[in-house]
Amino acid sequence: MLTEPAGTWSLAGRDMPPAEVLAADKHVDAAARDLKAAGAEGTLEQLRARAVPRLLSGRPLYTLLPGQDDGLPGQDDGAAAAAETTGMAPRTDPAETTAAGRAGQVRGPSPGRAAPRPGQGRAG
C-alpha cells in the first residue's frame, strides 16, 4: 500500500491472471452500479473506489448508502480504511459474489438477520 498526496492510500495487484482481473473489474463495476441504483451518492468512479475496500474486507456494501453506518463508530472513510489494514475478514460465502449477493449487500441485511461487523467471520 502507498500513501497518496491527497492523504488517501492506494492498493494495487500485479501479475494476476487476466481473466481473474477482468472478472473482478466487472464485479466492482456491477457493485458500483447497484449502489448508484440504490441511492448511494457519488459518481460511478467514486463508488467503485469506495466499494473495493468493502468487498476486500467483507464489509457490506449497503454501508455506503445514506443513513447507514459501516460498523466502525465515529470513523470516517479514511479512518475506516486505516482500520481495515489491521483486521481484514475474508468473505467466505460464495453466494455473496453473485448479483443477488451484491443486492443483499447493497440493500442491507434481511429482517431478523444481523449484518456482520468488521473482523467477525461468518458462521458456517
Protein backbone atom coordinates (compact mmCIF):
# COMPACT_ATOMS: atom_id res chain seq x y z
CA MET A 1 0.00 0.00 0.00
CA LEU A 2 1.14 3.50 -0.76
CA THR A 3 0.16 6.84 0.69
CA GLU A 4 -1.06 9.23 -1.98
CA PRO A 5 -0.52 13.04 -1.98
CA ALA A 6 -4.24 13.56 -1.21
CA GLY A 7 -3.85 11.64 2.06
CA THR A 8 -5.52 8.53 0.70
CA TRP A 9 -3.95 5.13 0.19
CA SER A 10 -3.60 3.09 -2.96
CA LEU A 11 -3.75 -0.66 -3.37
CA ALA A 12 -2.53 -2.44 -6.49
CA GLY A 13 -2.33 -6.01 -7.66
CA ARG A 14 0.35 -7.26 -10.00
CA ASP A 15 0.98 -10.39 -12.05
CA MET A 16 -2.59 -11.60 -11.73
CA PRO A 17 -4.32 -13.81 -14.31
CA PRO A 18 -6.09 -11.60 -16.90
CA ALA A 19 -9.38 -13.50 -16.72
CA GLU A 20 -9.48 -13.09 -12.93
CA VAL A 21 -8.76 -9.36 -13.19
CA LEU A 22 -11.48 -8.87 -15.81
CA ALA A 23 -13.99 -10.77 -13.66
CA ALA A 24 -13.02 -8.72 -10.60
CA ASP A 25 -13.37 -5.49 -12.57
CA LYS A 26 -16.85 -6.49 -13.74
CA HIS A 27 -17.79 -7.38 -10.15
CA VAL A 28 -16.64 -4.00 -8.82
CA ASP A 29 -18.40 -2.18 -11.67
CA ALA A 30 -21.65 -4.07 -11.02
CA ALA A 31 -21.40 -3.32 -7.30
CA ALA A 32 -20.95 0.41 -8.04
CA ARG A 33 -23.94 0.38 -10.39
CA ASP A 34 -26.06 -1.44 -7.78
CA LEU A 35 -25.07 1.18 -5.20
CA LYS A 36 -25.91 4.04 -7.55
CA ALA A 37 -29.31 2.48 -8.32
CA ALA A 38 -29.96 2.11 -4.57
CA GLY A 39 -29.29 5.80 -3.93
CA ALA A 40 -25.61 5.99 -2.99
CA GLU A 41 -24.09 9.40 -3.61
CA GLY A 42 -21.15 9.94 -5.95
CA THR A 43 -20.05 9.14 -9.46
CA LEU A 44 -19.60 5.54 -10.61
CA GLU A 45 -15.83 6.05 -10.35
CA GLN A 46 -16.15 7.24 -6.74
CA LEU A 47 -18.48 4.36 -5.89
CA ARG A 48 -16.04 1.85 -7.40
CA ALA A 49 -13.27 3.30 -5.24
CA ARG A 50 -15.47 3.08 -2.13
CA ALA A 51 -16.70 -0.44 -2.94
CA VAL A 52 -13.28 -2.08 -3.37
CA PRO A 53 -12.14 -1.88 0.29
CA ARG A 54 -15.52 -3.12 1.47
CA LEU A 55 -15.52 -6.03 -0.96
CA LEU A 56 -11.96 -6.98 0.04
CA SER A 57 -12.58 -6.71 3.76
CA GLY A 58 -16.01 -8.35 3.84
CA ARG A 59 -17.86 -5.22 4.95
CA PRO A 60 -21.36 -4.87 3.49
CA LEU A 61 -21.88 -2.50 0.59
CA TYR A 62 -25.10 -1.07 1.99
CA THR A 63 -22.96 0.89 4.46
CA LEU A 64 -22.26 3.24 1.53
CA LEU A 65 -25.91 4.26 1.35
CA PRO A 66 -27.12 7.45 3.03
CA GLY A 67 -28.05 6.93 6.69
CA GLN A 68 -26.10 3.69 7.12
CA ASP A 69 -23.00 3.19 9.24
CA ASP A 70 -20.06 0.97 8.48
CA GLY A 71 -19.78 -0.62 11.91
CA LEU A 72 -16.80 1.49 12.86
CA PRO A 73 -18.27 4.06 15.28
CA GLY A 74 -17.03 7.62 14.95
CA GLN A 75 -14.76 6.95 12.00
CA ASP A 76 -14.88 8.45 8.53
CA ASP A 77 -13.89 6.55 5.37
CA GLY A 78 -10.22 7.50 5.77
CA ALA A 79 -10.04 6.16 9.32
CA ALA A 80 -12.06 3.12 8.34
CA ALA A 81 -9.56 2.38 5.58
CA ALA A 82 -6.73 2.56 8.11
CA ALA A 83 -8.62 0.21 10.43
CA GLU A 84 -9.03 -2.30 7.60
CA THR A 85 -5.29 -2.88 7.44
CA THR A 86 -5.29 -4.41 10.91
CA GLY A 87 -8.24 -6.79 10.70
CA MET A 88 -9.46 -7.84 7.27
CA ALA A 89 -12.08 -10.55 7.43
CA PRO A 90 -12.15 -12.57 4.21
CA ARG A 91 -15.51 -13.28 2.60
CA THR A 92 -16.31 -16.95 2.85
CA ASP A 93 -19.84 -17.05 1.43
CA PRO A 94 -19.61 -17.67 -2.35
CA ALA A 95 -23.25 -16.64 -2.77
CA GLU A 96 -22.27 -13.07 -1.94
CA THR A 97 -20.10 -12.84 -5.06
CA THR A 98 -23.21 -13.12 -7.25
CA ALA A 99 -25.50 -10.32 -8.32
CA ALA A 100 -28.07 -11.50 -5.75
CA GLY A 101 -25.41 -11.41 -3.05
CA ARG A 102 -24.37 -7.91 -4.08
CA ALA A 103 -28.00 -6.82 -3.98
CA GLY A 104 -28.24 -8.13 -0.42
CA GLN A 105 -25.10 -6.24 0.47
CA VAL A 106 -26.44 -3.06 -1.10
CA ARG A 107 -29.93 -3.27 0.40
CA GLY A 108 -28.83 -4.43 3.83
CA PRO A 109 -29.47 -7.49 5.91
CA SER A 110 -32.76 -9.33 5.72
CA PRO A 111 -35.14 -8.70 8.61
CA GLY A 112 -34.09 -10.78 11.58
CA ARG A 113 -30.56 -11.28 10.22
CA ALA A 114 -27.84 -9.14 11.72
CA ALA A 115 -25.16 -7.73 9.44
CA PRO A 116 -21.65 -8.96 10.24
CA ARG A 117 -19.31 -6.35 11.65
CA PRO A 118 -15.70 -5.92 10.52
CA GLY A 119 -13.47 -8.61 11.97
CA GLN A 120 -16.34 -11.03 12.57
CA GLY A 121 -16.09 -14.07 10.35
CA ARG A 122 -19.18 -15.75 9.00
CA ALA A 123 -20.66 -18.63 10.91
CA GLY A 124 -20.96 -21.70 8.76
